[in-house]
N, C-alpha and C. Protein backbone atom coordinates (compact mmCIF):
# COMPACT_ATOMS: atom_id res chain seq x y z
N MET A 1 16.05 8.03 -13.44
CA MET A 1 15.12 8.78 -12.64
C MET A 1 14.51 9.88 -13.48
N PHE A 2 13.43 10.44 -12.96
CA PHE A 2 12.72 11.51 -13.64
C PHE A 2 13.55 12.79 -13.57
N GLY A 3 13.82 13.40 -14.68
CA GLY A 3 14.59 14.64 -14.72
C GLY A 3 16.06 14.40 -14.46
N THR A 4 16.74 15.48 -14.08
CA THR A 4 18.17 15.40 -13.80
C THR A 4 18.46 16.08 -12.47
N LEU A 5 19.70 16.03 -12.08
CA LEU A 5 20.10 16.71 -10.85
C LEU A 5 20.01 18.22 -10.97
N VAL A 6 19.96 18.72 -12.19
CA VAL A 6 19.82 20.16 -12.40
C VAL A 6 18.52 20.65 -11.77
N LEU A 7 17.46 19.83 -11.86
CA LEU A 7 16.20 20.20 -11.23
C LEU A 7 16.37 20.33 -9.72
N ASN A 8 17.16 19.44 -9.12
CA ASN A 8 17.43 19.52 -7.68
C ASN A 8 18.15 20.82 -7.35
N PHE A 9 19.17 21.16 -8.14
CA PHE A 9 19.93 22.38 -7.88
C PHE A 9 19.06 23.63 -8.04
N ILE A 10 18.21 23.65 -9.05
CA ILE A 10 17.33 24.80 -9.27
C ILE A 10 16.35 24.94 -8.10
N PHE A 11 15.72 23.83 -7.72
CA PHE A 11 14.78 23.85 -6.60
C PHE A 11 15.48 24.29 -5.32
N ALA A 12 16.69 23.78 -5.09
CA ALA A 12 17.46 24.14 -3.90
C ALA A 12 17.85 25.62 -3.93
N MET A 13 18.21 26.13 -5.08
CA MET A 13 18.59 27.54 -5.18
C MET A 13 17.40 28.45 -4.92
N ILE A 14 16.23 28.06 -5.42
CA ILE A 14 15.02 28.84 -5.15
C ILE A 14 14.74 28.85 -3.65
N GLY A 15 14.86 27.69 -3.02
CA GLY A 15 14.67 27.61 -1.57
C GLY A 15 15.67 28.46 -0.82
N PHE A 16 16.92 28.42 -1.25
CA PHE A 16 17.96 29.24 -0.62
C PHE A 16 17.64 30.72 -0.71
N ILE A 17 17.26 31.16 -1.90
CA ILE A 17 16.98 32.59 -2.12
C ILE A 17 15.80 33.05 -1.27
N VAL A 18 14.73 32.26 -1.26
CA VAL A 18 13.54 32.65 -0.49
C VAL A 18 13.87 32.72 0.99
N VAL A 19 14.53 31.68 1.53
CA VAL A 19 14.84 31.66 2.96
C VAL A 19 15.88 32.73 3.30
N PHE A 20 16.88 32.90 2.48
CA PHE A 20 17.92 33.89 2.77
C PHE A 20 17.33 35.30 2.87
N PHE A 21 16.54 35.69 1.87
CA PHE A 21 16.01 37.05 1.87
C PHE A 21 14.93 37.25 2.93
N SER A 22 14.16 36.21 3.23
CA SER A 22 13.17 36.38 4.30
C SER A 22 13.85 36.44 5.66
N ALA A 23 14.94 35.70 5.84
CA ALA A 23 15.68 35.75 7.11
C ALA A 23 16.51 37.02 7.21
N PHE A 24 16.98 37.54 6.09
CA PHE A 24 17.84 38.73 6.09
C PHE A 24 17.07 39.99 6.56
N ALA A 25 15.75 39.95 6.40
CA ALA A 25 14.95 41.10 6.82
C ALA A 25 15.00 41.28 8.33
N ASN A 26 15.16 40.19 9.09
CA ASN A 26 15.14 40.29 10.55
C ASN A 26 16.44 39.88 11.23
N ASN A 27 17.39 39.33 10.50
CA ASN A 27 18.62 38.81 11.09
C ASN A 27 19.83 39.39 10.37
N GLY A 28 21.00 39.05 10.91
CA GLY A 28 22.24 39.48 10.29
C GLY A 28 22.57 38.62 9.08
N PHE A 29 23.65 39.04 8.38
CA PHE A 29 24.05 38.34 7.15
C PHE A 29 24.45 36.89 7.41
N LEU A 30 25.28 36.66 8.43
CA LEU A 30 25.78 35.30 8.70
C LEU A 30 24.65 34.36 9.11
N THR A 31 23.75 34.82 9.95
CA THR A 31 22.61 33.99 10.36
C THR A 31 21.74 33.67 9.16
N SER A 32 21.48 34.64 8.33
CA SER A 32 20.66 34.43 7.12
C SER A 32 21.35 33.46 6.17
N LEU A 33 22.68 33.59 6.05
CA LEU A 33 23.43 32.70 5.17
C LEU A 33 23.36 31.26 5.67
N ILE A 34 23.51 31.05 6.96
CA ILE A 34 23.44 29.69 7.53
C ILE A 34 22.06 29.10 7.32
N ARG A 35 21.04 29.89 7.60
CA ARG A 35 19.67 29.40 7.39
C ARG A 35 19.41 29.12 5.91
N GLY A 36 19.95 29.94 5.04
CA GLY A 36 19.80 29.71 3.61
C GLY A 36 20.49 28.42 3.16
N LEU A 37 21.68 28.16 3.72
CA LEU A 37 22.39 26.92 3.37
C LEU A 37 21.66 25.69 3.89
N ILE A 38 21.09 25.79 5.08
CA ILE A 38 20.29 24.68 5.61
C ILE A 38 19.08 24.45 4.71
N ALA A 39 18.45 25.53 4.27
CA ALA A 39 17.32 25.42 3.36
C ALA A 39 17.75 24.83 2.02
N TYR A 40 18.93 25.22 1.54
CA TYR A 40 19.44 24.69 0.27
C TYR A 40 19.56 23.17 0.34
N VAL A 41 20.18 22.66 1.40
CA VAL A 41 20.34 21.21 1.55
C VAL A 41 18.98 20.54 1.69
N SER A 42 18.09 21.13 2.49
CA SER A 42 16.76 20.55 2.69
C SER A 42 15.97 20.49 1.39
N PHE A 43 15.98 21.60 0.64
CA PHE A 43 15.23 21.63 -0.62
C PHE A 43 15.84 20.68 -1.65
N PHE A 44 17.15 20.54 -1.64
CA PHE A 44 17.80 19.60 -2.55
C PHE A 44 17.34 18.17 -2.25
N LEU A 45 17.32 17.80 -0.98
CA LEU A 45 16.89 16.45 -0.59
C LEU A 45 15.41 16.23 -0.88
N ILE A 46 14.60 17.24 -0.64
CA ILE A 46 13.17 17.12 -0.94
C ILE A 46 12.96 16.91 -2.44
N ALA A 47 13.66 17.66 -3.25
CA ALA A 47 13.55 17.50 -4.70
C ALA A 47 14.00 16.12 -5.14
N TYR A 48 15.07 15.62 -4.53
CA TYR A 48 15.56 14.29 -4.88
C TYR A 48 14.53 13.22 -4.52
N ILE A 49 13.93 13.34 -3.36
CA ILE A 49 12.92 12.36 -2.94
C ILE A 49 11.71 12.41 -3.88
N PHE A 50 11.26 13.61 -4.24
CA PHE A 50 10.14 13.72 -5.17
C PHE A 50 10.49 13.15 -6.54
N ARG A 51 11.70 13.39 -7.01
CA ARG A 51 12.11 12.81 -8.30
C ARG A 51 12.12 11.29 -8.23
N TRP A 52 12.59 10.75 -7.11
CA TRP A 52 12.62 9.29 -6.94
C TRP A 52 11.21 8.74 -6.92
N MET A 53 10.28 9.40 -6.23
CA MET A 53 8.90 8.93 -6.16
C MET A 53 8.24 8.99 -7.54
N ILE A 54 8.46 10.06 -8.28
CA ILE A 54 7.89 10.17 -9.62
C ILE A 54 8.45 9.07 -10.52
N HIS A 55 9.73 8.81 -10.42
CA HIS A 55 10.34 7.73 -11.21
C HIS A 55 9.72 6.39 -10.84
N PHE A 56 9.51 6.14 -9.57
CA PHE A 56 8.94 4.88 -9.12
C PHE A 56 7.51 4.72 -9.62
N ILE A 57 6.73 5.80 -9.59
CA ILE A 57 5.35 5.75 -10.05
C ILE A 57 5.29 5.54 -11.56
N ILE A 58 6.14 6.23 -12.30
CA ILE A 58 6.12 6.11 -13.75
C ILE A 58 6.62 4.74 -14.19
N SER A 59 7.65 4.21 -13.56
CA SER A 59 8.19 2.93 -13.98
C SER A 59 7.32 1.76 -13.53
N ASN A 60 6.46 1.95 -12.55
CA ASN A 60 5.60 0.90 -12.04
C ASN A 60 4.19 1.45 -11.88
N PRO A 61 3.46 1.64 -13.00
CA PRO A 61 2.19 2.35 -12.92
C PRO A 61 1.09 1.61 -12.17
N LYS A 62 1.11 0.29 -12.11
CA LYS A 62 0.06 -0.45 -11.43
C LYS A 62 0.30 -0.54 -9.93
N GLY A 63 1.47 -0.18 -9.48
CA GLY A 63 1.76 -0.20 -8.06
C GLY A 63 2.21 -1.55 -7.53
N ASN A 64 2.27 -2.56 -8.39
CA ASN A 64 2.73 -3.86 -7.90
C ASN A 64 4.22 -4.00 -8.15
N THR A 65 4.88 -4.69 -7.25
CA THR A 65 6.31 -4.85 -7.38
C THR A 65 6.67 -6.20 -7.98
N LYS A 66 5.66 -7.06 -8.17
CA LYS A 66 5.93 -8.37 -8.77
C LYS A 66 6.07 -8.23 -10.28
N PRO A 67 6.97 -8.97 -10.89
CA PRO A 67 7.12 -8.87 -12.34
C PRO A 67 5.90 -9.44 -13.05
N ASN A 68 5.57 -8.87 -14.18
CA ASN A 68 4.46 -9.36 -14.98
C ASN A 68 4.91 -10.65 -15.67
N ILE A 69 4.09 -11.69 -15.56
CA ILE A 69 4.46 -12.99 -16.11
C ILE A 69 4.60 -12.91 -17.62
N ASN A 70 3.70 -12.18 -18.28
CA ASN A 70 3.75 -12.09 -19.73
C ASN A 70 4.98 -11.34 -20.23
N GLN A 71 5.47 -10.38 -19.45
CA GLN A 71 6.62 -9.60 -19.88
C GLN A 71 7.94 -10.26 -19.50
N SER A 72 7.92 -11.19 -18.55
CA SER A 72 9.17 -11.75 -18.07
C SER A 72 9.85 -12.62 -19.13
N ASN A 73 9.08 -13.39 -19.89
CA ASN A 73 9.67 -14.23 -20.91
C ASN A 73 8.70 -14.35 -22.08
N PRO A 74 8.83 -13.52 -23.11
CA PRO A 74 7.86 -13.55 -24.21
C PRO A 74 7.90 -14.85 -25.02
N LYS A 75 8.95 -15.65 -24.89
CA LYS A 75 9.01 -16.91 -25.62
C LYS A 75 8.01 -17.93 -25.07
N ASP A 76 7.60 -17.74 -23.80
CA ASP A 76 6.66 -18.66 -23.18
C ASP A 76 5.21 -18.36 -23.50
N SER A 77 4.93 -17.27 -24.21
CA SER A 77 3.56 -16.94 -24.51
C SER A 77 3.00 -17.96 -25.51
N VAL A 78 1.73 -18.27 -25.34
CA VAL A 78 1.08 -19.30 -26.15
C VAL A 78 0.05 -18.64 -27.03
N ASP A 79 0.01 -19.04 -28.28
CA ASP A 79 -0.98 -18.54 -29.22
C ASP A 79 -2.35 -19.08 -28.80
N ALA A 80 -3.42 -18.30 -29.02
CA ALA A 80 -4.77 -18.70 -28.63
C ALA A 80 -5.20 -19.98 -29.37
N GLU A 81 -4.82 -20.10 -30.60
CA GLU A 81 -5.18 -21.31 -31.38
C GLU A 81 -4.50 -22.54 -30.81
N GLN A 82 -3.23 -22.42 -30.43
CA GLN A 82 -2.53 -23.55 -29.82
C GLN A 82 -3.18 -23.93 -28.50
N LEU A 83 -3.64 -22.94 -27.76
CA LEU A 83 -4.29 -23.20 -26.49
C LEU A 83 -5.61 -23.94 -26.67
N ARG A 84 -6.38 -23.57 -27.68
CA ARG A 84 -7.64 -24.26 -27.95
C ARG A 84 -7.39 -25.72 -28.32
N HIS A 85 -6.39 -25.99 -29.15
CA HIS A 85 -6.09 -27.36 -29.55
C HIS A 85 -5.60 -28.20 -28.36
N SER A 86 -4.84 -27.59 -27.47
CA SER A 86 -4.34 -28.36 -26.34
C SER A 86 -5.41 -28.63 -25.30
N MET A 87 -6.51 -27.87 -25.30
CA MET A 87 -7.57 -28.06 -24.31
C MET A 87 -8.71 -28.92 -24.82
N ASP A 88 -8.64 -29.40 -26.06
CA ASP A 88 -9.73 -30.21 -26.62
C ASP A 88 -9.92 -31.51 -25.86
N HIS A 89 -8.86 -32.10 -25.33
CA HIS A 89 -8.95 -33.41 -24.69
C HIS A 89 -9.30 -33.32 -23.20
N LEU A 90 -9.49 -32.13 -22.65
CA LEU A 90 -9.80 -31.98 -21.23
C LEU A 90 -11.26 -32.30 -20.94
N THR A 91 -11.48 -32.94 -19.82
CA THR A 91 -12.86 -33.19 -19.37
C THR A 91 -13.35 -31.95 -18.63
N ASP A 92 -14.63 -31.95 -18.28
CA ASP A 92 -15.19 -30.81 -17.56
C ASP A 92 -14.53 -30.65 -16.19
N GLU A 93 -14.21 -31.76 -15.53
CA GLU A 93 -13.56 -31.69 -14.22
C GLU A 93 -12.15 -31.10 -14.34
N ASP A 94 -11.44 -31.53 -15.40
CA ASP A 94 -10.10 -30.99 -15.62
C ASP A 94 -10.15 -29.49 -15.90
N ALA A 95 -11.11 -29.08 -16.71
CA ALA A 95 -11.24 -27.67 -17.05
C ALA A 95 -11.58 -26.85 -15.81
N GLU A 96 -12.43 -27.40 -14.95
CA GLU A 96 -12.78 -26.70 -13.72
C GLU A 96 -11.58 -26.61 -12.78
N ALA A 97 -10.79 -27.67 -12.71
CA ALA A 97 -9.60 -27.67 -11.85
C ALA A 97 -8.58 -26.64 -12.35
N VAL A 98 -8.41 -26.57 -13.66
CA VAL A 98 -7.50 -25.59 -14.24
C VAL A 98 -8.01 -24.17 -13.97
N SER A 99 -9.32 -24.00 -14.08
CA SER A 99 -9.92 -22.69 -13.83
C SER A 99 -9.67 -22.25 -12.39
N HIS A 100 -9.86 -23.15 -11.43
CA HIS A 100 -9.61 -22.81 -10.03
C HIS A 100 -8.13 -22.51 -9.79
N TYR A 101 -7.26 -23.26 -10.44
CA TYR A 101 -5.82 -23.04 -10.29
C TYR A 101 -5.43 -21.64 -10.81
N ILE A 102 -5.98 -21.28 -11.95
CA ILE A 102 -5.67 -19.97 -12.53
C ILE A 102 -6.22 -18.86 -11.64
N LYS A 103 -7.43 -19.04 -11.11
CA LYS A 103 -7.99 -18.03 -10.21
C LYS A 103 -7.12 -17.85 -8.97
N ASP A 104 -6.63 -18.96 -8.43
CA ASP A 104 -5.74 -18.87 -7.27
C ASP A 104 -4.45 -18.14 -7.60
N LEU A 105 -3.90 -18.40 -8.78
CA LEU A 105 -2.70 -17.71 -9.21
C LEU A 105 -2.93 -16.21 -9.35
N LEU A 106 -4.09 -15.85 -9.90
CA LEU A 106 -4.40 -14.43 -10.06
C LEU A 106 -4.62 -13.75 -8.72
N LYS A 107 -5.19 -14.45 -7.75
CA LYS A 107 -5.37 -13.89 -6.41
C LYS A 107 -4.02 -13.67 -5.74
N GLU A 108 -3.08 -14.59 -5.93
CA GLU A 108 -1.76 -14.45 -5.36
C GLU A 108 -1.03 -13.27 -5.97
N GLN A 109 -1.27 -13.01 -7.26
CA GLN A 109 -0.57 -11.94 -7.95
C GLN A 109 -1.07 -10.57 -7.49
N ASP A 110 -2.31 -10.47 -7.07
CA ASP A 110 -2.85 -9.18 -6.59
C ASP A 110 -2.27 -8.91 -5.25
């Protein structure tokens, strides 16, 4: 994940301090302490959720959850020259059928 749990603790402590001192101005110590602890837990969870979202965005920048075909197995990649030689014997109808098949695959991937 992005960052460490230390970021969560720092964010939670800042939330605790802000809520505790703002509540302490109008309430007693125990009430302010309880509100500060509730804020600490809330800010910790908020920081954790934001860290998780940032990690998800960074690890998956295109937003798709499907694996990339080219990255899944690099041994299956074909050199452009090999591809040209293998397509020399195709007729125009075969080439058009392959083209439509590839377009359908790309539509499914989006």
